[in-house]
Amino acid sequence: MLGYANYESGLVTAGTWNANPTRMELYRPGVPLPGAVVQTVYASTTTTQATGTGTTKVATALTGTITPTSAANPVKVSAWSSVGATSLPSAGAGYTQIWRNTGTTAIGNLSGTGDNAGAQAAGAFNFTFDNPQTTNSTQYGVYITNQTAGNNWTFLGGSAWPSGGTGIMLIEEVMG
């Protein structure tokens, strides 16, 4: 590894080198290698959040903000929480998903639990890579939703799951 060239604003066509790099850096101690974690942000909440009876996504209190050092670097977001049922009149599922910038962009897959009618609970884990392509402050949050209208799922709570606990989010900028 001798160094790297960075194109913060990207190239019009991949492989067509029609612009000068934004930054050229020779490798030396302190310069991160591709795949190395550049910075880490940890966030947590103990705030319980119910979804209500609809299938609309509801923001939870689990959010974290990172300011990437390079627009070329991806961001890895991981979140852990419990998702509990308070009322399941019919079979269904409670889901969580990571969103960027207060619900404007869903990233990654839905994660959650499902059950037959009854009140059950389980943990939820979300993990995804995002490419926000910015050096501006970027917020990530966890949303919760129902699969079936009429069911009630709760973030960090539920009738079969003890209320409380902690939702945890780990946000890492990774050298691109």
Protein backbone atom coordinates (compact mmCIF):
# COMPACT_ATOMS: atom_id res chain seq x y z
CA MET A 1 0.00 0.00 0.00
CA LEU A 2 1.61 3.22 -1.16
CA GLY A 3 -1.31 5.58 -0.63
CA TYR A 4 -4.69 6.52 -2.03
CA ALA A 5 -6.49 9.06 -4.18
CA ASN A 6 -9.92 10.23 -3.08
CA TYR A 7 -12.70 11.61 -5.30
CA GLU A 8 -15.07 13.22 -2.77
CA SER A 9 -17.60 14.31 -5.39
CA GLY A 10 -17.31 11.08 -7.37
CA LEU A 11 -16.65 10.53 -11.06
CA VAL A 12 -19.20 10.90 -13.85
CA THR A 13 -18.53 7.35 -15.05
CA ALA A 14 -16.74 4.71 -13.00
CA GLY A 15 -13.33 4.00 -14.53
CA THR A 16 -13.26 7.27 -16.49
CA TRP A 17 -10.60 9.34 -14.79
CA ASN A 18 -11.72 12.73 -16.16
CA ALA A 19 -11.29 14.68 -12.91
CA ASN A 20 -8.47 15.36 -10.52
CA PRO A 21 -8.66 13.64 -7.13
CA THR A 22 -9.88 15.73 -4.21
CA ARG A 23 -7.17 14.33 -1.97
CA MET A 24 -4.00 12.30 -2.50
CA GLU A 25 -2.48 10.74 0.59
CA LEU A 26 0.75 8.74 0.88
CA TYR A 27 0.51 5.88 3.33
CA ARG A 28 2.32 6.46 6.63
CA PRO A 29 1.57 5.79 10.30
CA GLY A 30 -1.80 7.26 11.24
CA VAL A 31 -3.33 6.96 7.75
CA PRO A 32 -6.15 4.39 7.95
CA LEU A 33 -6.15 1.46 5.54
CA PRO A 34 -9.32 0.54 3.59
CA GLY A 35 -11.79 -1.16 5.92
CA ALA A 36 -10.36 0.41 9.08
CA VAL A 37 -12.76 2.15 11.47
CA VAL A 38 -12.15 5.91 11.27
CA GLN A 39 -14.52 6.95 14.08
CA THR A 40 -17.18 5.42 16.31
CA VAL A 41 -20.34 6.90 17.82
CA TYR A 42 -22.29 5.08 20.54
CA ALA A 43 -25.91 5.94 21.38
CA SER A 44 -28.45 4.43 23.75
CA THR A 45 -31.94 4.98 25.12
CA THR A 46 -34.18 3.56 27.80
CA THR A 47 -37.31 5.28 26.45
CA THR A 48 -40.15 2.84 25.67
CA GLN A 49 -42.07 3.56 22.45
CA ALA A 50 -45.34 1.90 21.40
CA THR A 51 -46.41 1.61 17.75
CA GLY A 52 -50.14 2.03 18.25
CA THR A 53 -52.58 0.01 16.19
CA GLY A 54 -51.62 0.99 12.64
CA THR A 55 -48.89 -0.09 10.24
CA THR A 56 -47.27 3.38 10.07
CA LYS A 57 -43.60 3.57 11.02
CA VAL A 58 -43.02 5.30 14.37
CA ALA A 59 -39.70 6.88 15.34
CA THR A 60 -38.14 5.58 18.55
CA ALA A 61 -35.87 7.52 20.88
CA LEU A 62 -32.88 5.47 19.71
CA THR A 63 -30.90 7.89 17.53
CA GLY A 64 -27.25 8.75 16.96
CA THR A 65 -25.41 11.33 14.88
CA ILE A 66 -22.07 11.08 13.09
CA THR A 67 -20.17 13.58 10.95
CA PRO A 68 -18.18 11.60 8.35
CA THR A 69 -14.65 12.81 7.66
CA SER A 70 -14.91 11.86 3.97
CA ALA A 71 -17.87 11.63 1.60
CA ALA A 72 -16.23 8.52 0.10
CA ASN A 73 -16.40 6.56 3.37
CA PRO A 74 -19.31 4.18 4.11
CA VAL A 75 -21.02 4.15 7.50
CA LYS A 76 -21.80 0.92 9.36
CA VAL A 77 -24.85 1.13 11.65
CA SER A 78 -25.81 -1.56 14.18
CA ALA A 79 -28.72 -1.44 16.63
CA TRP A 80 -29.91 -3.82 19.36
CA SER A 81 -33.20 -3.66 21.25
CA SER A 82 -36.17 -5.62 22.51
CA VAL A 83 -39.49 -5.55 20.68
CA GLY A 84 -42.46 -6.71 22.72
CA ALA A 85 -46.13 -7.25 22.01
CA THR A 86 -48.71 -5.51 24.14
CA SER A 87 -51.67 -6.80 22.14
CA LEU A 88 -51.82 -9.33 19.28
CA PRO A 89 -55.44 -10.01 18.38
CA SER A 90 -54.19 -11.69 15.18
CA ALA A 91 -50.95 -13.26 13.99
CA GLY A 92 -48.43 -10.68 12.92
CA ALA A 93 -44.98 -9.23 13.41
CA GLY A 94 -43.30 -6.23 14.94
CA TYR A 95 -40.42 -4.79 12.94
CA THR A 96 -37.58 -2.35 13.44
CA GLN A 97 -35.56 -0.64 10.72
CA ILE A 98 -32.72 1.87 10.63
CA TRP A 99 -33.41 5.19 8.93
CA ARG A 100 -31.13 8.04 7.93
CA ASN A 101 -31.97 11.68 8.70
CA THR A 102 -35.15 11.34 10.73
CA GLY A 103 -37.09 8.98 8.54
CA THR A 104 -36.32 10.34 5.11
CA THR A 105 -34.29 7.33 3.92
CA ALA A 106 -34.78 3.72 5.06
CA ILE A 107 -31.57 1.71 4.94
CA GLY A 108 -31.04 -1.99 5.44
CA ASN A 109 -33.66 -4.66 5.99
CA LEU A 110 -36.52 -4.93 8.44
CA SER A 111 -35.73 -6.89 11.57
CA GLY A 112 -38.09 -8.12 14.21
CA THR A 113 -40.30 -10.85 15.53
CA GLY A 114 -43.61 -12.45 14.71
CA ASP A 115 -46.05 -14.61 16.60
CA ASN A 116 -49.53 -16.04 16.61
CA ALA A 117 -52.27 -14.22 18.48
CA GLY A 118 -51.08 -13.62 22.02
CA ALA A 119 -48.56 -11.44 23.76
CA GLN A 120 -44.97 -12.45 23.05
CA ALA A 121 -41.66 -10.65 22.82
CA ALA A 122 -38.21 -11.01 21.34
CA GLY A 123 -35.03 -9.09 20.67
CA ALA A 124 -34.38 -7.21 17.45
CA PHE A 125 -31.06 -6.60 15.75
CA ASN A 126 -30.40 -4.34 12.77
CA PHE A 127 -27.10 -4.12 10.90
CA THR A 128 -26.46 -2.26 7.67
CA PHE A 129 -23.93 -0.30 5.67
CA ASP A 130 -24.88 3.12 4.35
CA ASN A 131 -23.17 5.43 1.89
CA PRO A 132 -24.43 8.90 2.84
CA GLN A 133 -21.87 10.60 0.50
CA THR A 134 -21.54 13.64 2.73
CA THR A 135 -19.32 15.22 5.34
CA ASN A 136 -22.34 16.86 6.98
CA SER A 137 -23.76 15.72 10.30
CA THR A 138 -25.89 12.63 9.60
CA GLN A 139 -28.46 11.24 12.02
CA TYR A 140 -29.50 7.59 12.20
CA GLY A 141 -32.55 6.33 14.06
CA VAL A 142 -34.60 3.20 14.63
CA TYR A 143 -38.26 3.03 13.62
CA ILE A 144 -40.79 0.40 14.70
CA THR A 145 -43.87 -0.77 12.80
CA ASN A 146 -46.57 -3.46 12.77
CA GLN A 147 -47.12 -6.01 10.05
CA THR A 148 -50.84 -6.18 10.82
CA ALA A 149 -53.13 -3.29 11.70
CA GLY A 150 -54.72 -3.85 15.11
CA ASN A 151 -51.61 -5.38 16.66
CA ASN A 152 -49.58 -3.40 19.19
CA TRP A 153 -45.81 -3.79 19.40
CA THR A 154 -43.60 -1.85 21.77
CA PHE A 155 -39.94 -0.86 21.49
CA LEU A 156 -38.19 -1.74 24.79
CA GLY A 157 -41.35 -3.13 26.37
CA GLY A 158 -44.46 -5.23 26.03
CA SER A 159 -46.76 -7.29 28.23
CA ALA A 160 -44.65 -10.46 27.99
CA TRP A 161 -41.36 -8.56 28.09
CA PRO A 162 -40.40 -6.53 31.14
CA SER A 163 -40.73 -2.83 30.44
CA GLY A 164 -37.44 -1.02 30.27
CA GLY A 165 -34.09 -2.21 29.11
CA THR A 166 -31.75 -0.34 26.86
CA GLY A 167 -31.68 0.13 23.10
CA ILE A 168 -28.13 0.44 21.79
CA MET A 169 -26.79 1.88 18.52
CA LEU A 170 -23.22 1.73 17.25
CA ILE A 171 -22.31 3.95 14.28
CA GLU A 172 -18.90 3.52 12.64
CA GLU A 173 -17.33 5.42 9.76
CA VAL A 174 -15.24 2.96 7.74
CA MET A 175 -12.32 3.94 5.50
CA GLY A 176 -13.50 3.51 1.90
